Amino acid sequence: MTQSRPPLILNFDDSVTLENIDSAVHIPLQDWQESIRFGCRWPRFQQLVAALEQQLAVDYGCVFTGSGDYHHLTHLLLQRQVKQPPFQLVICDNHPDNMRYPFGIHCGSWVYWASLLPQVEHIHVLGIGSSDIALGHAWENHWRPLMRKKLSYWNINVDTGWLNWLGAKDSSRRYNDADGLMTDFLSRFRSGSRQSVYLSIDKDVLSPQVVNTNWDQGSFQERHLNELIDACRGRLIGADITGEVSVYRYLSCFKRWLSAADGQREPSIAEALAWQQRQNQLNQRLLERINGCWN
């Protein structure tokens, strides 16, 4: 495999194994797992930023962060793009990750914080199938980026009519299936400006027929991700992949409660090992595709 940039594994949970890729850079972060996983207060997040500052090379490639419980690490990676001209942030996720969280930053709130970064021109979240953006959860969404037209939800069969009340009707597009969504998005994406792109993939956007995660999942197939990655060719400035399966028992009662409230399923050890094998095979295929797309 030709590698334009070495992939980077931020190893909190030992869930990522990129076989036969000797150039992959591993940064062991297991000691941070309890405090960072799922969410953390801002001072702790900034401590992690400082700890990684000297360890992150300038030219790393696709970043693997492990479980989807670490998707808020994308915000850390986006902060490092501060010298880039304004770019598009394209996210594949079954959830909006734009939810309110009063205790700092977490895996379901980081998109709001990304919307405040001046280098991020616009955010597209593709493949949302969860009820997080339905009327019953409307109040939990951050409204500001939707009203400012800086964030767009691309969803599958979720009624977001409540956005009409905010004057943000155009900030959500509803489709019957993943094919219709991706066809429309790529048509607009290819005919629009040639801005650079940062791509973030949470594999819970995928159907369980493709891989299993411990979050509720969407309906994308692998080909939908492939089509999107190919459309980023020559425009990609950064990428990360999350959504691995890992089993972890929080020491914090608060985090155990939060995790349970979000309906996370804890697989058996045997299930986790089987799921991880399929996950890592998919990672290698996605990585090979991404490596041909760098700006």
Protein backbone atom coordinates (compact mmCIF):
# COMPACT_ATOMS: atom_id res chain seq x y z
CA MET A 1 0.00 0.00 0.00
CA THR A 2 1.31 3.43 -0.94
CA GLN A 3 1.18 5.71 2.07
CA SER A 4 1.25 9.45 1.58
CA ARG A 5 1.02 10.12 5.32
CA PRO A 6 1.47 7.69 8.22
CA PRO A 7 -1.80 6.80 9.99
CA LEU A 8 -2.00 7.71 13.66
CA ILE A 9 -3.59 5.60 16.40
CA LEU A 10 -4.56 7.44 19.58
CA ASN A 11 -4.68 4.31 21.67
CA PHE A 12 -7.02 4.75 24.61
CA ASP A 13 -8.71 1.34 24.49
CA ASP A 14 -6.55 -1.12 22.47
CA SER A 15 -9.32 -1.52 19.89
CA VAL A 16 -7.43 -0.58 16.70
CA THR A 17 -5.01 -2.92 14.96
CA LEU A 18 -3.71 -1.96 11.53
CA GLU A 19 -1.98 -5.11 10.35
CA ASN A 20 0.85 -4.94 7.82
CA ILE A 21 1.10 -1.16 8.09
CA ASP A 22 4.51 -0.62 9.62
CA SER A 23 4.33 3.16 9.29
CA ALA A 24 1.37 3.51 11.67
CA VAL A 25 2.22 5.70 14.66
CA HIS A 26 0.86 4.52 18.02
CA ILE A 27 0.48 6.89 20.95
CA PRO A 28 -0.40 4.99 24.15
CA LEU A 29 -3.10 6.81 26.08
CA GLN A 30 -4.62 4.06 28.21
CA ASP A 31 -3.97 6.05 31.38
CA TRP A 32 -6.34 8.71 30.08
CA GLN A 33 -9.21 6.35 29.37
CA GLU A 34 -11.27 6.89 32.52
CA SER A 35 -11.03 10.67 32.46
CA ILE A 36 -11.48 11.26 28.70
CA ARG A 37 -13.79 8.49 27.55
CA PHE A 38 -17.37 9.57 26.80
CA GLY A 39 -16.71 13.11 28.04
CA CYS A 40 -14.64 15.32 30.28
CA ARG A 41 -14.42 18.78 31.76
CA TRP A 42 -12.57 21.39 29.75
CA PRO A 43 -9.50 21.59 32.03
CA ARG A 44 -8.89 17.86 31.58
CA PHE A 45 -9.42 18.15 27.83
CA GLN A 46 -6.87 20.94 27.65
CA GLN A 47 -4.42 18.82 29.65
CA LEU A 48 -4.73 16.15 26.98
CA VAL A 49 -4.22 18.75 24.26
CA ALA A 50 -0.99 19.84 25.96
CA ALA A 51 0.18 16.25 26.48
CA LEU A 52 -0.31 15.43 22.80
CA GLU A 53 1.20 18.63 21.44
CA GLN A 54 4.76 17.33 21.47
CA GLN A 55 3.81 13.84 20.32
CA LEU A 56 1.82 14.66 17.19
CA ALA A 57 3.87 14.92 14.04
CA VAL A 58 3.06 17.65 11.54
CA ASP A 59 2.27 15.30 8.67
CA TYR A 60 0.24 12.50 10.26
CA GLY A 61 -2.46 10.92 8.13
CA CYS A 62 -5.81 9.43 9.06
CA VAL A 63 -6.30 9.32 12.84
CA PHE A 64 -7.95 6.39 14.62
CA THR A 65 -9.38 7.24 18.03
CA GLY A 66 -10.97 3.92 19.00
CA SER A 67 -14.48 3.68 20.43
CA GLY A 68 -17.09 6.22 19.34
CA ASP A 69 -16.94 7.32 22.97
CA TYR A 70 -13.90 9.34 21.85
CA HIS A 71 -15.46 11.22 18.94
CA HIS A 72 -14.89 14.48 20.80
CA LEU A 73 -11.18 14.00 20.05
CA THR A 74 -12.03 15.29 16.57
CA HIS A 75 -12.34 18.75 18.14
CA LEU A 76 -8.75 18.47 19.34
CA LEU A 77 -7.63 17.55 15.82
CA LEU A 78 -9.64 20.38 14.26
CA GLN A 79 -8.00 22.89 16.60
CA ARG A 80 -4.68 21.90 15.04
CA GLN A 81 -5.93 23.03 11.62
CA VAL A 82 -5.92 26.65 12.71
CA LYS A 83 -3.51 27.74 9.94
CA GLN A 84 -5.69 26.26 7.20
CA PRO A 85 -7.95 28.45 5.05
CA PRO A 86 -11.64 27.92 5.95
CA PHE A 87 -12.69 24.36 5.13
CA GLN A 88 -15.73 22.10 5.08
CA LEU A 89 -16.16 19.60 7.91
CA VAL A 90 -17.95 16.50 6.63
CA ILE A 91 -19.06 13.99 9.27
CA CYS A 92 -20.63 10.57 8.81
CA ASP A 93 -22.56 9.70 11.96
CA ASN A 94 -25.86 8.18 13.03
CA HIS A 95 -26.11 10.99 15.61
CA PRO A 96 -25.83 14.79 15.30
CA ASP A 97 -23.20 15.17 18.07
CA ASN A 98 -24.64 18.66 18.53
CA MET A 99 -26.35 17.99 21.85
CA ARG A 100 -26.21 20.10 24.99
CA TYR A 101 -23.77 18.92 27.66
CA PRO A 102 -23.23 21.24 30.63
CA PHE A 103 -20.21 19.49 32.11
CA GLY A 104 -17.57 20.22 29.44
CA ILE A 105 -17.27 18.41 26.11
CA HIS A 106 -18.36 14.88 25.24
CA CYS A 107 -18.80 12.58 22.27
CA GLY A 108 -22.32 13.88 21.67
CA SER A 109 -21.64 17.62 21.93
CA TRP A 110 -18.36 18.25 20.10
CA VAL A 111 -19.96 19.38 16.82
CA TYR A 112 -21.30 22.48 18.56
CA TRP A 113 -17.80 23.39 19.71
CA ALA A 114 -16.43 22.69 16.23
CA SER A 115 -18.98 25.16 14.84
CA LEU A 116 -17.30 27.92 16.86
CA LEU A 117 -13.91 27.39 15.22
CA PRO A 118 -13.21 30.13 12.65
CA GLN A 119 -11.37 27.73 10.32
CA VAL A 120 -14.51 25.58 9.97
CA GLU A 121 -16.62 27.16 7.23
CA HIS A 122 -19.55 24.72 7.34
CA ILE A 123 -20.40 21.37 8.94
CA HIS A 124 -22.35 18.59 7.24
CA VAL A 125 -23.46 15.61 9.34
CA LEU A 126 -24.44 12.80 6.96
CA GLY A 127 -26.53 9.73 7.72
CA ILE A 128 -28.37 10.70 10.92
CA GLY A 129 -31.03 8.13 11.66
CA SER A 130 -31.37 8.54 15.41
CA SER A 131 -34.21 10.31 17.18
CA ASP A 132 -31.73 12.84 18.61
CA ILE A 133 -32.91 15.37 16.02
CA ALA A 134 -36.64 14.56 16.26
CA LEU A 135 -39.14 16.82 18.02
CA GLY A 136 -38.90 14.99 21.34
CA HIS A 137 -35.21 15.88 21.58
CA ALA A 138 -35.33 19.28 19.86
CA TRP A 139 -34.51 21.16 23.06
CA GLU A 140 -31.36 19.07 23.54
CA ASN A 141 -29.87 20.24 20.24
CA HIS A 142 -27.76 23.38 20.10
CA TRP A 143 -29.84 25.71 17.93
CA ARG A 144 -27.29 28.41 17.26
CA PRO A 145 -25.21 26.69 14.53
CA LEU A 146 -28.41 25.56 12.79
CA MET A 147 -29.89 29.07 12.84
CA ARG A 148 -26.60 30.57 11.65
CA LYS A 149 -26.63 28.14 8.68
CA LYS A 150 -23.25 26.78 9.74
CA LEU A 151 -24.49 23.24 10.42
CA SER A 152 -26.56 20.95 8.19
CA TYR A 153 -28.24 17.69 9.21
CA TRP A 154 -28.55 15.15 6.37
CA ASN A 155 -30.94 12.60 7.83
CA ILE A 156 -32.77 9.43 6.90
CA ASN A 157 -36.46 9.36 7.78
CA VAL A 158 -36.34 11.71 10.78
CA ASP A 159 -38.94 14.46 10.98
CA THR A 160 -37.17 17.74 11.82
CA GLY A 161 -40.12 20.03 11.18
CA TRP A 162 -39.41 21.79 14.49
CA LEU A 163 -36.55 23.61 12.73
CA ASN A 164 -39.18 25.60 10.82
CA TRP A 165 -40.05 27.37 14.07
CA LEU A 166 -36.43 28.54 14.35
CA GLY A 167 -36.23 29.78 10.78
CA ALA A 168 -33.74 27.00 10.11
CA LYS A 169 -35.75 24.77 7.78
CA ASP A 170 -32.91 24.49 5.27
CA SER A 171 -30.49 23.24 7.95
CA SER A 172 -31.92 19.72 7.73
CA ARG A 173 -32.59 17.54 4.69
CA ARG A 174 -34.62 14.35 4.92
CA TYR A 175 -34.24 11.31 2.64
CA ASN A 176 -35.95 7.96 2.34
CA ASP A 177 -32.69 6.03 2.17
CA ALA A 178 -28.91 6.33 2.17
CA ASP A 179 -28.68 6.14 -1.63
CA GLY A 180 -30.86 9.23 -2.08
CA LEU A 181 -28.97 11.11 0.61
CA MET A 182 -25.52 10.40 -0.77
CA THR A 183 -26.54 11.05 -4.38
CA ASP A 184 -27.91 14.48 -3.49
CA PHE A 185 -25.02 15.40 -1.20
CA LEU A 186 -22.34 14.42 -3.73
CA SER A 187 -24.13 16.32 -6.49
CA ARG A 188 -24.05 19.49 -4.40
CA PHE A 189 -20.56 18.76 -3.08
CA ARG A 190 -19.02 18.33 -6.54
CA SER A 191 -20.77 21.32 -8.08
CA GLY A 192 -20.03 23.67 -5.18
CA SER A 193 -16.83 25.41 -4.19
CA ARG A 194 -13.57 23.47 -4.18
CA GLN A 195 -12.89 24.19 -0.52
CA SER A 196 -10.66 21.82 1.41
CA VAL A 197 -12.35 19.11 3.46
CA TYR A 198 -11.83 17.51 6.84
CA LEU A 199 -13.58 14.12 6.98
CA SER A 200 -14.68 12.44 10.22
CA ILE A 201 -16.26 8.97 10.11
CA ASP A 202 -18.10 7.37 13.01
CA LYS A 203 -18.86 3.82 11.95
CA ASP A 204 -22.15 3.80 13.84
CA VAL A 205 -23.46 5.43 10.63
CA LEU A 206 -23.12 1.98 9.04
CA SER A 207 -25.69 -0.78 8.98
CA PRO A 208 -24.99 -3.68 11.38
CA GLN A 209 -24.70 -5.78 8.22
CA VAL A 210 -21.39 -4.03 7.58
CA VAL A 211 -19.91 -3.86 11.10
CA ASN A 212 -21.22 -3.86 14.66
CA THR A 213 -20.76 -1.05 17.16
CA ASN A 214 -22.03 -0.67 20.72
CA TRP A 215 -24.16 2.36 19.75
CA ASP A 216 -27.44 2.34 17.82
CA GLN A 217 -26.58 2.28 14.13
CA GLY A 218 -27.60 3.83 10.85
CA SER A 219 -28.12 2.41 7.36
CA PHE A 220 -25.05 3.40 5.33
CA GLN A 221 -23.23 0.69 3.40
CA GLU A 222 -19.48 0.66 2.87
CA ARG A 223 -19.98 1.86 -0.71
CA HIS A 224 -21.51 5.10 0.58
CA LEU A 225 -18.33 5.86 2.50
CA ASN A 226 -16.24 4.90 -0.52
CA GLU A 227 -18.18 7.28 -2.78
CA LEU A 228 -17.72 10.11 -0.29
CA ILE A 229 -14.02 9.49 0.20
CA ASP A 230 -13.45 9.39 -3.57
CA ALA A 231 -15.26 12.73 -3.93
CA CYS A 232 -12.75 14.26 -1.49
CA ARG A 233 -9.79 13.44 -3.72
CA GLY A 234 -7.37 16.34 -3.87
CA ARG A 235 -9.30 18.32 -1.25
CA LEU A 236 -8.64 16.33 1.94
CA ILE A 237 -6.62 18.09 4.66
CA GLY A 238 -7.50 15.79 7.57
CA ALA A 239 -9.44 12.66 8.45
CA ASP A 240 -10.31 10.55 11.43
CA ILE A 241 -12.19 7.30 12.01
CA THR A 242 -13.94 6.24 15.19
CA GLY A 243 -16.65 3.78 16.19
CA GLU A 244 -14.62 0.78 17.26
CA VAL A 245 -15.92 -1.73 19.77
CA SER A 246 -14.30 -1.86 23.17
CA VAL A 247 -15.51 -3.00 26.56
CA TYR A 248 -14.85 -0.70 29.48
CA ARG A 249 -16.28 -0.46 33.00
CA TYR A 250 -16.18 3.12 34.28
CA LEU A 251 -14.91 3.75 37.77
CA SER A 252 -17.09 6.86 37.86
CA CYS A 253 -20.71 6.21 38.85
CA PHE A 254 -21.67 9.35 36.93
CA LYS A 255 -20.17 8.06 33.69
CA ARG A 256 -21.75 4.65 34.20
CA TRP A 257 -25.09 6.39 34.53
CA LEU A 258 -24.53 8.56 31.45
CA SER A 259 -23.49 5.58 29.38
CA ALA A 260 -26.53 3.58 30.45
CA ALA A 261 -28.83 6.53 29.80
CA ASP A 262 -27.58 6.71 26.23
CA GLY A 263 -28.53 3.07 25.69
CA GLN A 264 -25.06 1.73 25.00
CA ARG A 265 -24.90 -2.02 24.70
CA GLU A 266 -21.95 -3.77 26.30
CA PRO A 267 -20.97 -6.78 24.18
CA SER A 268 -19.46 -9.91 25.65
CA ILE A 269 -15.70 -10.29 25.34
CA ALA A 270 -16.18 -12.94 22.62
CA GLU A 271 -18.52 -10.64 20.68
CA ALA A 272 -16.15 -7.71 21.03
CA LEU A 273 -13.22 -9.71 19.63
CA ALA A 274 -15.24 -10.88 16.63
CA TRP A 275 -16.59 -7.41 15.98
CA GLN A 276 -13.14 -5.85 16.28
CA GLN A 277 -11.77 -8.18 13.62
CA ARG A 278 -14.36 -7.03 11.10
CA GLN A 279 -13.88 -3.43 12.20
CA ASN A 280 -10.14 -3.53 11.60
CA GLN A 281 -10.55 -5.12 8.19
CA LEU A 282 -12.86 -2.25 7.26
CA ASN A 283 -10.42 0.28 8.72
CA GLN A 284 -7.67 -0.94 6.42
CA ARG A 285 -9.90 -0.70 3.36
CA LEU A 286 -11.01 2.82 4.27
CA LEU A 287 -7.45 3.86 5.05
CA GLU A 288 -6.21 2.68 1.67
CA ARG A 289 -8.88 4.79 -0.02
CA ILE A 290 -8.22 7.85 2.13
CA ASN A 291 -4.49 7.67 1.40
CA GLY A 292 -5.21 8.46 -2.22
CA CYS A 293 -7.15 11.62 -1.46
CA TRP A 294 -4.81 13.97 0.39
CA ASN A 295 -4.67 17.58 -0.70
